């Protein structure tokens, strides 16, 4: 869902003749990002348990310190919930300390892809709202207009508690397994942002570094990856695909 928003933002920036480069953080080498060639930097992520995923936090830790650079944050959530409004708090603190002046933190509500799945009418409505808001977001970022989610001390405290999910994700990830229908195609290993999966000719192994992004489950061609009890509640029957979402929107 975050990818959808970023691709739409990129299109709108480029409509304004503004160069917009994208890096996928799980694969990028820090030396590949020449920060001094950019006027602004942005970080995008899906909200996990009222926070940015741990992989995003780790990426920001690797960013070099700079003198000063305007920075924006985009995040996506599967529902409108005030508890998500502090999800960028730790990121902003880390970025600001390194010289990345965060002036913008915007959340987009996208179709839910965890525990429940929205019906097509809801998906269409949410995407239409996102499409309407993206041009405004681009305009605000270009013009340096400050925007941040308002949140309370209680919400920030709950976000801190929510970081327990980082540990829980490692445990749940170790409970993943493949059924006999698995043909060891290697797609799950290739798509795993945390490099938590190892495939061979005979088996698929899951290590202790899962980030619970669920890519392996929902993008498995054979639908062969499952989770042992008591974590079966996180399994949906299907995944939203960008092509299908675009078709529904139209």
Protein backbone atom coordinates (compact mmCIF):
# COMPACT_ATOMS: atom_id res chain seq x y z
CA UNK A 1 0.00 0.00 0.00
CA UNK A 2 2.87 2.37 0.73
CA UNK A 3 4.30 1.59 -2.69
CA UNK A 4 1.04 2.69 -4.30
CA UNK A 5 1.14 6.08 -2.53
CA UNK A 6 4.80 6.68 -3.35
CA UNK A 7 4.34 5.85 -7.02
CA UNK A 8 1.42 8.27 -7.22
CA UNK A 9 3.44 10.96 -5.42
CA UNK A 10 6.34 10.40 -7.81
CA UNK A 11 4.03 10.89 -10.80
CA UNK A 12 2.68 14.17 -9.40
CA UNK A 13 6.15 15.49 -8.60
CA UNK A 14 7.31 14.67 -12.10
CA UNK A 15 4.22 16.37 -13.57
CA UNK A 16 5.69 19.51 -11.99
CA UNK A 17 9.05 18.79 -13.62
CA UNK A 18 10.54 17.90 -10.22
CA UNK A 19 12.94 14.98 -10.19
CA UNK A 20 11.88 12.34 -7.66
CA UNK A 21 14.17 9.38 -7.05
CA UNK A 22 13.08 6.28 -5.11
CA UNK A 23 15.19 3.80 -3.17
CA UNK A 24 13.98 0.54 -1.64
CA UNK A 25 15.65 0.59 1.75
CA UNK A 26 16.14 -3.16 2.15
CA UNK A 27 18.41 -3.32 -0.89
CA UNK A 28 20.05 0.08 -1.12
CA UNK A 29 23.66 0.60 -0.18
CA UNK A 30 24.21 3.88 1.65
CA UNK A 31 27.00 4.91 -0.72
CA UNK A 32 24.51 4.75 -3.60
CA UNK A 33 22.57 7.68 -2.14
CA UNK A 34 24.40 10.92 -2.95
CA UNK A 35 22.50 13.17 -0.57
CA UNK A 36 24.32 16.33 -1.63
CA UNK A 37 22.69 16.01 -5.06
CA UNK A 38 19.17 16.34 -3.62
CA UNK A 39 17.24 19.31 -2.25
CA UNK A 40 15.01 17.26 0.01
CA UNK A 41 14.69 13.74 1.38
CA UNK A 42 11.62 11.71 2.30
CA UNK A 43 10.99 8.50 4.25
CA UNK A 44 7.91 6.35 3.66
CA UNK A 45 6.62 3.36 5.62
CA UNK A 46 3.51 1.34 6.58
CA UNK A 47 2.42 1.69 10.21
CA UNK A 48 3.13 -1.45 12.26
CA UNK A 49 1.63 -1.55 15.75
CA UNK A 50 1.49 2.28 16.05
CA UNK A 51 5.11 2.63 14.85
CA UNK A 52 7.38 2.63 11.86
CA UNK A 53 8.68 -0.90 11.14
CA UNK A 54 12.01 -1.75 12.72
CA UNK A 55 13.66 -2.04 9.31
CA UNK A 56 12.89 1.67 8.72
CA UNK A 57 14.33 2.62 12.11
CA UNK A 58 17.49 0.66 11.29
CA UNK A 59 17.76 2.41 7.92
CA UNK A 60 17.58 5.84 9.53
CA UNK A 61 20.31 4.79 11.96
CA UNK A 62 22.53 4.20 8.94
CA UNK A 63 21.90 7.60 7.41
CA UNK A 64 24.90 9.94 7.66
CA UNK A 65 24.76 13.16 9.65
CA UNK A 66 24.33 16.26 7.49
CA UNK A 67 24.32 20.01 7.98
CA UNK A 68 20.65 20.62 7.25
CA UNK A 69 18.08 19.24 4.82
CA UNK A 70 14.29 19.55 4.69
CA UNK A 71 12.71 16.13 5.21
CA UNK A 72 9.20 14.75 4.86
CA UNK A 73 7.63 11.53 6.10
CA UNK A 74 4.80 9.61 4.44
CA UNK A 75 3.11 6.68 6.14
CA UNK A 76 0.14 4.46 5.41
CA UNK A 77 -2.33 2.80 7.78
CA UNK A 78 -5.15 0.33 7.31
CA UNK A 79 -7.63 2.40 9.31
CA UNK A 80 -8.17 5.87 10.73
CA UNK A 81 -6.99 5.57 14.31
CA UNK A 82 -5.57 8.36 16.47
CA UNK A 83 -3.20 5.81 18.03
CA UNK A 84 -1.29 5.80 14.73
CA UNK A 85 -0.61 9.54 14.81
CA UNK A 86 2.54 9.13 16.91
CA UNK A 87 3.99 6.45 14.64
CA UNK A 88 6.66 8.83 13.32
CA UNK A 89 7.73 10.18 16.71
CA UNK A 90 10.88 8.09 17.01
CA UNK A 91 11.76 8.60 13.35
CA UNK A 92 11.46 12.37 13.63
CA UNK A 93 13.62 12.43 16.74
CA UNK A 94 16.33 10.39 15.04
CA UNK A 95 16.20 12.33 11.79
CA UNK A 96 16.24 15.75 13.45
CA UNK A 97 19.30 14.77 15.49
CA UNK A 98 21.14 13.96 12.27
CA UNK A 99 20.26 17.25 10.57
CA UNK A 100 17.23 16.08 8.61
CA UNK A 101 14.69 18.77 9.47
CA UNK A 102 11.33 17.00 9.44
CA UNK A 103 8.69 19.56 8.53
CA UNK A 104 6.04 17.21 7.16
CA UNK A 105 4.48 13.99 8.44
CA UNK A 106 1.42 12.81 6.52
CA UNK A 107 -0.63 9.65 6.91
CA UNK A 108 -2.75 8.07 4.18
CA UNK A 109 -5.54 5.64 5.03
CA UNK A 110 -5.34 2.66 2.70
CA UNK A 111 -7.28 -0.60 2.36
CA UNK A 112 -6.58 -2.85 5.33
CA UNK A 113 -4.37 -5.86 4.58
CA UNK A 114 -3.89 -7.31 8.05
CA UNK A 115 -6.42 -9.49 9.93
CA UNK A 116 -9.35 -8.14 7.87
CA UNK A 117 -9.83 -7.33 4.21
CA UNK A 118 -12.00 -4.45 3.01
CA UNK A 119 -14.73 -5.01 0.45
CA UNK A 120 -14.36 -3.55 -3.05
CA UNK A 121 -16.61 -0.56 -2.35
CA UNK A 122 -14.49 0.45 0.64
CA UNK A 123 -11.28 -0.07 -1.33
CA UNK A 124 -12.57 2.16 -4.12
CA UNK A 125 -13.64 4.88 -1.68
CA UNK A 126 -10.32 4.88 0.18
CA UNK A 127 -8.28 5.02 -3.00
CA UNK A 128 -10.37 7.83 -4.42
CA UNK A 129 -9.74 9.82 -1.25
CA UNK A 130 -6.02 9.12 -1.48
CA UNK A 131 -5.94 10.18 -5.13
CA UNK A 132 -7.66 13.44 -4.24
CA UNK A 133 -5.20 14.17 -1.44
CA UNK A 134 -1.95 13.36 -3.24
CA UNK A 135 -1.82 16.56 -5.37
CA UNK A 136 -2.38 18.65 -2.22
CA UNK A 137 0.38 16.74 -0.45
CA UNK A 138 2.82 17.36 -3.29
CA UNK A 139 1.93 21.06 -3.32
CA UNK A 140 2.48 21.35 0.45
CA UNK A 141 5.84 19.57 0.30
CA UNK A 142 7.08 21.62 -2.65
CA UNK A 143 6.09 24.86 -0.91
CA UNK A 144 7.61 23.80 2.41
CA UNK A 145 4.30 23.96 4.26
CA UNK A 146 4.63 22.33 7.67
CA UNK A 147 2.22 19.53 8.54
CA UNK A 148 2.46 17.05 11.40
CA UNK A 149 0.03 14.67 13.05
CA UNK A 150 -1.17 15.93 16.43
CA UNK A 151 -1.01 13.42 19.26
CA UNK A 152 -1.21 13.26 23.03
CA UNK A 153 1.23 12.04 25.67
CA UNK A 154 -0.93 8.93 26.05
CA UNK A 155 -0.75 8.15 22.32
CA UNK A 156 3.04 8.56 22.35
CA UNK A 157 3.26 6.25 25.36
CA UNK A 158 1.16 3.60 23.62
CA UNK A 159 3.39 3.89 20.55
CA UNK A 160 6.40 3.12 22.74
CA UNK A 161 4.61 0.07 24.14
CA UNK A 162 3.75 -0.97 20.58
CA UNK A 163 7.44 -1.40 19.81
CA UNK A 164 7.20 -4.73 21.61
CA UNK A 165 5.91 -5.90 18.20
CA UNK A 166 9.50 -5.74 16.94
CA UNK A 167 10.34 -8.62 19.27
CA UNK A 168 7.04 -10.38 18.65
CA UNK A 169 7.62 -10.26 14.88
CA UNK A 170 10.84 -12.22 15.26
CA UNK A 171 9.01 -14.89 17.28
CA UNK A 172 6.01 -15.11 14.94
CA UNK A 173 8.29 -15.23 11.91
CA UNK A 174 9.97 -18.31 13.29
CA UNK A 175 6.51 -19.97 13.31
CA UNK A 176 6.16 -19.68 9.52
CA UNK A 177 6.23 -22.93 7.57
CA UNK A 178 5.65 -24.22 4.05
CA UNK A 179 3.24 -26.92 2.93
CA UNK A 180 3.99 -29.67 0.44
CA UNK A 181 2.74 -27.46 -2.40
CA UNK A 182 5.91 -25.35 -2.03
CA UNK A 183 8.15 -25.84 -5.06
CA UNK A 184 11.15 -23.92 -3.63
CA UNK A 185 10.87 -21.26 -6.34
CA UNK A 186 12.77 -18.81 -4.13
CA UNK A 187 10.35 -15.89 -4.55
CA UNK A 188 9.82 -15.55 -0.80
CA UNK A 189 13.57 -15.40 -0.18
CA UNK A 190 14.02 -12.80 -2.91
CA UNK A 191 11.15 -10.61 -1.67
CA UNK A 192 11.94 -10.72 2.06
CA UNK A 193 13.19 -7.24 3.07
CA UNK A 194 14.83 -8.62 6.22
CA UNK A 195 16.61 -11.47 4.40
CA UNK A 196 14.95 -13.81 6.87
CA UNK A 197 14.25 -16.70 4.49
CA UNK A 198 16.64 -19.27 3.08
CA UNK A 199 15.57 -21.67 0.35
CA UNK A 200 17.23 -24.81 -0.95
CA UNK A 201 16.26 -27.58 -3.32
CA UNK A 202 14.58 -29.42 -0.47
CA UNK A 203 13.30 -26.90 2.06
CA UNK A 204 12.51 -23.31 3.05
CA UNK A 205 13.90 -22.05 6.34
CA UNK A 206 12.67 -19.09 8.39
CA UNK A 207 15.16 -17.40 10.72
CA UNK A 208 14.80 -14.99 13.65
CA UNK A 209 14.73 -11.63 11.85
CA UNK A 210 11.14 -11.41 10.55
CA UNK A 211 9.60 -7.93 10.30
CA UNK A 212 6.06 -9.27 9.78
CA UNK A 213 5.58 -7.51 6.44
CA UNK A 214 3.78 -10.66 5.19
CA UNK A 215 5.20 -10.44 1.67
CA UNK A 216 6.20 -14.10 1.72
CA UNK A 217 2.68 -15.24 2.58
CA UNK A 218 0.74 -13.04 0.20
CA UNK A 219 3.10 -13.18 -2.78
CA UNK A 220 3.69 -16.94 -2.72
CA UNK A 221 2.59 -18.32 -6.14
CA UNK A 222 1.58 -21.61 -4.52
CA UNK A 223 -0.05 -20.11 -1.39
CA UNK A 224 2.19 -22.55 0.44
CA UNK A 225 3.35 -20.42 3.38
CA UNK A 226 1.38 -20.51 6.61
CA UNK A 227 1.84 -19.77 10.30
CA UNK A 228 1.61 -22.27 13.13
CA UNK A 229 -1.04 -21.96 15.87
CA UNK A 230 -1.74 -19.63 17.70
CA UNK A 231 -0.83 -17.12 14.98
CA UNK A 232 -3.13 -18.32 12.19
CA UNK A 233 -5.34 -15.26 12.70
CA UNK A 234 -2.93 -13.18 10.59
CA UNK A 235 -3.60 -15.21 7.44
CA UNK A 236 -5.83 -13.64 4.78
CA UNK A 237 -7.07 -15.49 1.73
CA UNK A 238 -5.62 -13.05 -0.77
CA UNK A 239 -3.51 -9.91 -1.17
CA UNK A 240 -4.36 -6.59 -2.74
CA UNK A 241 -2.36 -6.21 -5.96
CA UNK A 242 -1.62 -2.81 -7.49
CA UNK A 243 -3.12 -3.85 -10.83
CA UNK A 244 -6.32 -5.04 -9.17
CA UNK A 245 -6.52 -1.92 -7.05
CA UNK A 246 -6.20 0.27 -10.13
CA UNK A 247 -8.96 -1.67 -11.83
CA UNK A 248 -11.25 -1.33 -8.82
CA UNK A 249 -10.55 2.39 -8.61
CA UNK A 250 -11.58 2.97 -12.20
